[in-house]
Protein backbone atom coordinates (compact mmCIF):
# COMPACT_ATOMS: atom_id res chain seq x y z
CA MET A 1 -172.26 138.66 76.04
CA THR A 2 -172.35 142.31 75.09
CA GLY A 3 -173.22 143.28 78.64
CA ILE A 4 -170.35 141.21 80.01
CA SER A 5 -167.85 142.79 77.60
CA ILE A 6 -169.10 146.26 78.54
CA GLU A 7 -168.60 145.45 82.22
CA LYS A 8 -165.06 144.21 81.52
CA GLN A 9 -164.25 147.39 79.63
CA ALA A 10 -165.68 149.50 82.45
CA LEU A 11 -163.63 147.65 85.05
CA ARG A 12 -160.49 147.93 82.92
CA ALA A 13 -161.07 151.65 82.48
CA ALA A 14 -161.64 152.05 86.19
CA PHE A 15 -158.34 150.35 87.08
CA GLU A 16 -156.21 151.90 84.33
CA PRO A 17 -155.69 155.22 86.17
CA ALA A 18 -154.70 153.35 89.30
CA ARG A 19 -152.14 151.30 87.42
CA GLY A 20 -150.77 154.29 85.62
CA GLY A 21 -150.72 156.29 88.82
CA SER A 22 -148.83 153.59 90.70
CA GLY A 23 -146.32 153.35 87.84
CA ARG A 24 -145.82 157.10 87.78
CA LEU A 25 -145.48 157.12 91.56
CA ARG A 26 -142.89 154.34 91.42
CA SER A 27 -140.86 156.12 88.76
CA ARG A 28 -141.14 159.37 90.69
CA LEU A 29 -139.79 157.64 93.80
CA LYS A 30 -136.87 156.29 91.78
CA ARG A 31 -136.08 159.77 90.52
CA GLY A 32 -136.69 161.38 93.92
CA ALA A 33 -134.21 163.75 95.50
CA GLY A 34 -133.50 161.30 98.34
CA ALA A 35 -132.51 158.40 96.08
CA PRO A 36 -128.89 159.53 95.46
CA ILE A 37 -128.43 160.23 99.16
CA ALA A 38 -129.74 156.80 100.12
CA ARG A 39 -127.58 155.14 97.47
CA PHE A 40 -124.51 157.01 98.71
CA ALA A 41 -125.27 156.02 102.32
CA VAL A 42 -125.59 152.34 101.38
CA TYR A 43 -122.35 152.32 99.39
CA PHE A 44 -120.54 154.28 102.10
CA CYS A 45 -121.62 151.92 104.87
CA ALA A 46 -120.73 148.87 102.79
CA THR A 47 -117.31 150.29 101.92
CA LEU A 48 -116.66 151.29 105.53
CA THR A 49 -117.59 147.83 106.81
CA LEU A 50 -115.42 146.11 104.21
CA GLY A 51 -112.53 148.47 104.94
CA VAL A 52 -112.68 147.81 108.69
CA LEU A 53 -112.76 144.06 108.06
CA VAL A 54 -109.80 144.16 105.68
CA PHE A 55 -107.80 146.37 108.04
CA MET A 56 -108.51 144.11 111.01
CA LEU A 57 -107.55 140.97 109.09
CA ALA A 58 -104.39 142.55 107.72
CA TYR A 59 -103.37 143.86 111.16
CA ILE A 60 -103.83 140.46 112.80
CA LEU A 61 -101.97 138.64 110.02
CA VAL A 62 -99.05 141.08 110.00
CA LYS A 63 -98.69 140.89 113.78
CA GLY A 64 -99.32 137.17 114.19
CA VAL A 65 -97.94 135.29 111.18
CA PRO A 66 -94.24 135.88 112.11
CA TYR A 67 -94.87 134.07 115.42
CA LEU A 68 -96.43 130.96 113.85
CA ARG A 69 -93.51 128.73 114.73
CA PRO A 70 -93.37 124.94 115.27
CA SER A 71 -92.96 125.48 119.02
CA LEU A 72 -96.38 127.12 119.06
CA PHE A 73 -97.98 123.82 118.06
CA GLU A 74 -96.38 121.48 120.57
CA TRP A 75 -98.72 119.21 122.50
CA LYS A 76 -97.88 120.45 125.99
CA TYR A 77 -98.00 124.09 127.02
CA THR A 78 -95.04 125.71 128.71
CA SER A 79 -94.19 129.30 129.53
CA GLU A 80 -91.55 129.21 126.78
CA ASN A 81 -93.49 127.82 123.81
CA CYS A 82 -96.99 129.17 124.70
CA SER A 83 -98.48 126.29 122.71
CA VAL A 84 -101.99 126.75 121.34
CA VAL A 85 -102.68 123.03 120.86
CA PRO A 86 -104.31 122.42 124.28
CA ALA A 87 -106.46 125.52 123.83
CA LEU A 88 -107.38 124.44 120.29
CA VAL A 89 -108.44 120.97 121.47
CA ASN A 90 -110.43 122.49 124.32
CA THR A 91 -112.13 124.90 121.91
CA LEU A 92 -113.22 122.14 119.56
CA PHE A 93 -114.40 119.96 122.42
CA MET A 94 -116.22 122.85 124.12
CA THR A 95 -117.96 123.83 120.88
CA LEU A 96 -119.03 120.26 120.12
CA LEU A 97 -120.37 119.66 123.63
CA ALA A 98 -122.25 122.97 123.73
CA LEU A 99 -123.86 122.28 120.36
CA LEU A 100 -124.84 118.77 121.47
CA LEU A 101 -126.63 120.32 124.44
CA ALA A 102 -128.24 123.30 122.69
CA VAL A 103 -129.08 122.22 119.13
CA PRO A 104 -131.55 119.38 119.85
CA LEU A 105 -133.31 121.41 122.53
CA GLY A 106 -133.42 124.55 120.41
CA ILE A 107 -134.67 122.85 117.25
CA GLY A 108 -137.21 120.81 119.20
CA SER A 109 -138.55 123.92 120.93
CA ALA A 110 -138.88 125.77 117.62
CA ILE A 111 -140.70 122.81 116.03
CA TYR A 112 -143.20 122.75 118.88
CA MET A 113 -143.83 126.50 118.72
CA VAL A 114 -144.33 126.55 114.95
CA GLU A 115 -145.88 123.20 114.11
CA TYR A 116 -147.79 122.04 117.19
CA SER A 117 -148.76 125.00 119.35
CA LYS A 118 -151.72 127.27 118.68
CA LYS A 119 -151.06 130.73 117.25
CA GLU A 120 -152.52 132.51 120.27
CA ASN A 121 -150.76 130.34 122.83
CA ARG A 122 -149.65 132.56 125.72
CA PHE A 123 -146.88 130.17 126.71
CA VAL A 124 -145.36 130.39 123.24
CA LYS A 125 -145.52 134.19 123.36
CA LEU A 126 -143.77 134.09 126.74
CA VAL A 127 -141.05 131.81 125.33
CA ARG A 128 -140.50 134.16 122.37
CA LEU A 129 -140.23 137.15 124.69
CA THR A 130 -137.82 135.25 126.93
CA THR A 131 -135.56 134.17 124.07
CA GLU A 132 -135.42 137.70 122.66
CA THR A 133 -134.53 139.01 126.13
CA LEU A 134 -131.83 136.39 126.70
CA THR A 135 -130.20 137.29 123.38
CA GLY A 136 -129.29 140.75 124.65
CA ILE A 137 -127.90 139.74 128.06
CA PRO A 138 -124.12 140.34 128.41
CA SER A 139 -121.96 137.25 128.47
CA ILE A 140 -120.45 138.06 131.85
CA VAL A 141 -123.92 137.72 133.38
CA TYR A 142 -124.11 134.22 131.94
CA GLY A 143 -120.68 133.55 133.41
CA LEU A 144 -121.75 134.62 136.89
CA PHE A 145 -124.92 132.54 136.57
CA GLY A 146 -122.93 129.49 135.46
CA MET A 147 -120.46 129.97 138.30
CA LEU A 148 -123.27 130.09 140.88
CA LEU A 149 -125.26 127.19 139.42
CA PHE A 150 -122.85 124.75 137.78
CA VAL A 151 -119.59 125.51 139.59
CA GLY A 152 -121.03 126.16 143.05
CA THR A 153 -124.46 124.60 143.48
CA LEU A 154 -123.95 121.47 141.37
CA HIS A 155 -120.29 121.17 142.48
CA TRP A 156 -118.94 120.68 138.96
CA GLY A 157 -116.08 123.02 139.71
CA TYR A 158 -114.18 124.92 137.01
CA SER A 159 -114.61 122.38 134.26
CA ILE A 160 -115.28 121.86 130.58
CA LEU A 161 -118.76 120.59 131.44
CA ALA A 162 -119.65 123.72 133.39
CA GLY A 163 -118.37 125.95 130.59
CA ALA A 164 -120.22 123.99 127.90
CA ALA A 165 -123.48 124.10 129.85
CA THR A 166 -123.13 127.86 130.32
CA VAL A 167 -122.45 128.66 126.67
CA ALA A 168 -125.21 126.22 125.66
CA ILE A 169 -127.65 128.43 127.57
CA MET A 170 -126.14 131.46 125.80
CA ILE A 171 -126.61 130.11 122.29
CA LEU A 172 -129.98 128.46 122.90
CA PRO A 173 -132.03 131.65 122.15
CA VAL A 174 -130.17 132.16 118.86
CA ILE A 175 -130.87 128.62 117.71
CA ILE A 176 -134.53 128.80 118.75
CA ARG A 177 -135.22 132.09 116.97
CA THR A 178 -133.38 131.24 113.74
CA THR A 179 -134.98 127.81 113.56
CA GLU A 180 -138.42 129.27 114.20
CA GLU A 181 -138.04 131.85 111.45
CA SER A 182 -136.73 129.18 109.06
CA LEU A 183 -139.72 126.94 109.74
CA LEU A 184 -142.12 129.83 109.26
CA ALA A 185 -140.48 130.57 105.90
CA VAL A 186 -141.43 127.12 104.55
CA PRO A 187 -144.63 127.57 102.46
CA ASP A 188 -147.82 126.10 103.90
CA SER A 189 -148.48 124.49 100.52
CA PHE A 190 -145.70 122.01 101.30
CA ARG A 191 -147.48 120.91 104.45
CA GLU A 192 -150.88 120.79 102.71
CA GLY A 193 -149.48 118.69 99.87
CA SER A 194 -147.94 116.25 102.35
CA PHE A 195 -151.17 115.98 104.29
CA GLY A 196 -153.06 115.49 101.04
CA LEU A 197 -150.86 112.50 100.19
CA GLY A 198 -151.73 110.91 103.52
CA ALA A 199 -148.61 111.72 105.54
CA GLY A 200 -148.97 112.36 109.26
CA LYS A 201 -147.87 115.41 111.21
CA LEU A 202 -144.60 113.96 112.45
CA ARG A 203 -143.59 112.62 109.05
CA THR A 204 -144.47 115.92 107.38
CA VAL A 205 -142.32 117.85 109.82
CA PHE A 206 -139.24 115.63 109.49
CA THR A 207 -139.42 114.82 105.77
CA ILE A 208 -140.90 117.99 104.26
CA VAL A 209 -140.60 120.98 106.59
CA LEU A 210 -137.21 120.45 108.22
CA PRO A 211 -135.29 119.78 104.95
CA GLY A 212 -136.67 123.02 103.55
CA ALA A 213 -135.56 124.93 106.63
CA VAL A 214 -132.07 123.42 106.87
CA PRO A 215 -130.18 126.40 105.35
CA GLY A 216 -131.68 128.80 107.88
CA ILE A 217 -131.11 126.38 110.75
CA LEU A 218 -127.46 125.97 109.75
CA SER A 219 -127.08 129.75 109.67
CA GLY A 220 -128.23 129.89 113.27
CA ILE A 221 -125.85 127.08 114.23
CA ILE A 222 -122.98 128.95 112.54
CA LEU A 223 -123.78 132.07 114.55
CA ALA A 224 -123.94 130.00 117.72
CA THR A 225 -120.63 128.33 116.91
CA GLY A 226 -118.95 131.68 116.37
CA ARG A 227 -120.18 132.87 119.75
CA VAL A 228 -118.89 129.77 121.51
CA VAL A 229 -115.48 129.95 119.83
CA GLY A 230 -115.01 133.63 120.64
CA GLU A 231 -116.40 133.58 124.18
CA THR A 232 -114.15 134.59 127.08
CA ALA A 233 -116.04 136.21 129.97
CA ALA A 234 -118.50 133.36 130.54
CA LEU A 235 -115.82 130.67 130.29
CA ILE A 236 -113.32 132.33 132.61
CA TYR A 237 -115.87 132.00 135.44
CA THR A 238 -116.88 128.43 134.57
CA ALA A 239 -114.22 126.55 132.57
CA GLY A 240 -111.16 128.17 134.14
CA THR A 241 -107.82 129.12 132.59
CA VAL A 242 -105.70 125.98 132.98
CA ALA A 243 -103.47 125.55 129.91
CA GLN A 244 -103.90 121.82 129.43
CA VAL A 245 -106.24 119.28 127.91
CA PRO A 246 -108.38 117.91 130.79
CA SER A 247 -108.58 114.18 131.32
CA ASN A 248 -112.38 114.24 131.77
CA LEU A 249 -115.38 116.54 131.56
CA LEU A 250 -114.86 117.80 135.10
CA GLY A 251 -111.35 119.01 134.36
CA SER A 252 -110.49 122.65 133.79
CA GLY A 253 -109.14 124.00 130.51
CA ARG A 254 -108.86 127.21 128.55
CA THR A 255 -110.11 127.85 125.02
CA LEU A 256 -108.34 129.79 122.28
CA ALA A 257 -110.08 133.05 123.16
CA ILE A 258 -109.13 132.72 126.83
CA HIS A 259 -105.59 131.70 125.84
CA MET A 260 -105.25 134.83 123.72
CA TYR A 261 -106.68 136.99 126.52
CA VAL A 262 -104.32 135.57 129.15
CA LEU A 263 -101.24 136.00 126.94
CA SER A 264 -102.13 139.59 126.05
CA SER A 265 -103.00 140.53 129.64
CA GLU A 266 -99.69 139.20 130.93
CA GLY A 267 -97.85 141.43 128.45
CA LEU A 268 -94.95 138.97 128.07
CA HIS A 269 -96.10 137.09 124.96
CA THR A 270 -97.95 139.64 122.85
CA GLY A 271 -96.66 138.15 119.59
CA GLN A 272 -97.93 134.71 120.57
CA ALA A 273 -101.28 136.28 121.42
CA PHE A 274 -101.53 137.63 117.86
CA ALA A 275 -100.50 134.21 116.53
CA THR A 276 -103.32 132.68 118.58
CA ALA A 277 -105.66 135.21 116.99
CA VAL A 278 -104.55 134.00 113.55
CA VAL A 279 -105.27 130.38 114.53
CA LEU A 280 -108.66 131.41 115.91
CA LEU A 281 -109.45 133.30 112.73
CA VAL A 282 -108.55 130.32 110.55
CA LEU A 283 -110.67 128.06 112.75
CA VAL A 284 -113.74 130.30 112.45
CA ILE A 285 -113.34 130.62 108.67
CA GLY A 286 -112.95 126.86 108.36
CA ILE A 287 -116.07 126.15 110.42
CA ASN A 288 -118.10 128.65 108.39
CA ALA A 289 -116.86 127.23 105.09
CA LEU A 290 -117.66 123.68 106.18
CA ALA A 291 -121.15 124.66 107.32
CA ALA A 292 -121.79 126.53 104.07
CA LEU A 293 -120.68 123.48 102.07
CA VAL A 294 -123.02 121.23 104.04
CA ALA A 295 -125.91 123.65 103.59
CA ARG A 296 -125.29 123.88 99.86
CA ARG A 297 -125.25 120.10 99.45
CA ILE A 298 -128.37 119.65 101.54
CA GLY A 299 -130.08 122.42 99.57
CA LYS A 300 -129.36 120.61 96.30
């Protein structure tokens, strides 16, 4: 017993300088000369970002709110009222259709890469590299691709379906990467506990892993939704610019972002373009708030 206590004291004495040294080093880093500069840079960047956001919101509201008149919300678009209702309906329908195409495929791909594939799988590495590359491709390239494939080769024409398929390809890498990172963030102890209770792989994934990753998955879906709602270049080449609600999926129609672009480019209805920006802003904030509420309830 005496020998054991002596060994414990020797080990404690050996590690005491290291602990003290690390503490002194940590305090020295806190009091370092670069700490005030780094703190100032963080506060400056945060203030600058907040200031730009507030200025942008205030500018859009000041320019657009006076033009929020009842004629702007009539069902049919004319050159006099510049109604946003057809564009709003097309935006909601386009977003829903694109998410229906991209979300199941993106989540399923992420589940396979994280839960079923081997860590050194070359195919999975290739998919990760491809998704990261597709994230940085400009939207107009997606638009040209969609025009060649969906509009021309598949003969869908300028339609809601062609636009939704194009933006679904755009948002697919975002959904895959965010879902993959969310699944990786779930502790392995959850999976081990489920396996220990006799649950199978599929049941563990859908009852244990996915519920724990829902907040991160919803964050990726929110980002994807924002990109669909604000997209213009890709949809001009695929969905068209017709200011009406199409009767079917193969009909052409413009979204809110395209509606705002067309009005501002014509130069005749600049005030209505700012009013469309206000509607688009409210729509994005509403979608984000709804998604955050759903994530909070699921998290509880």
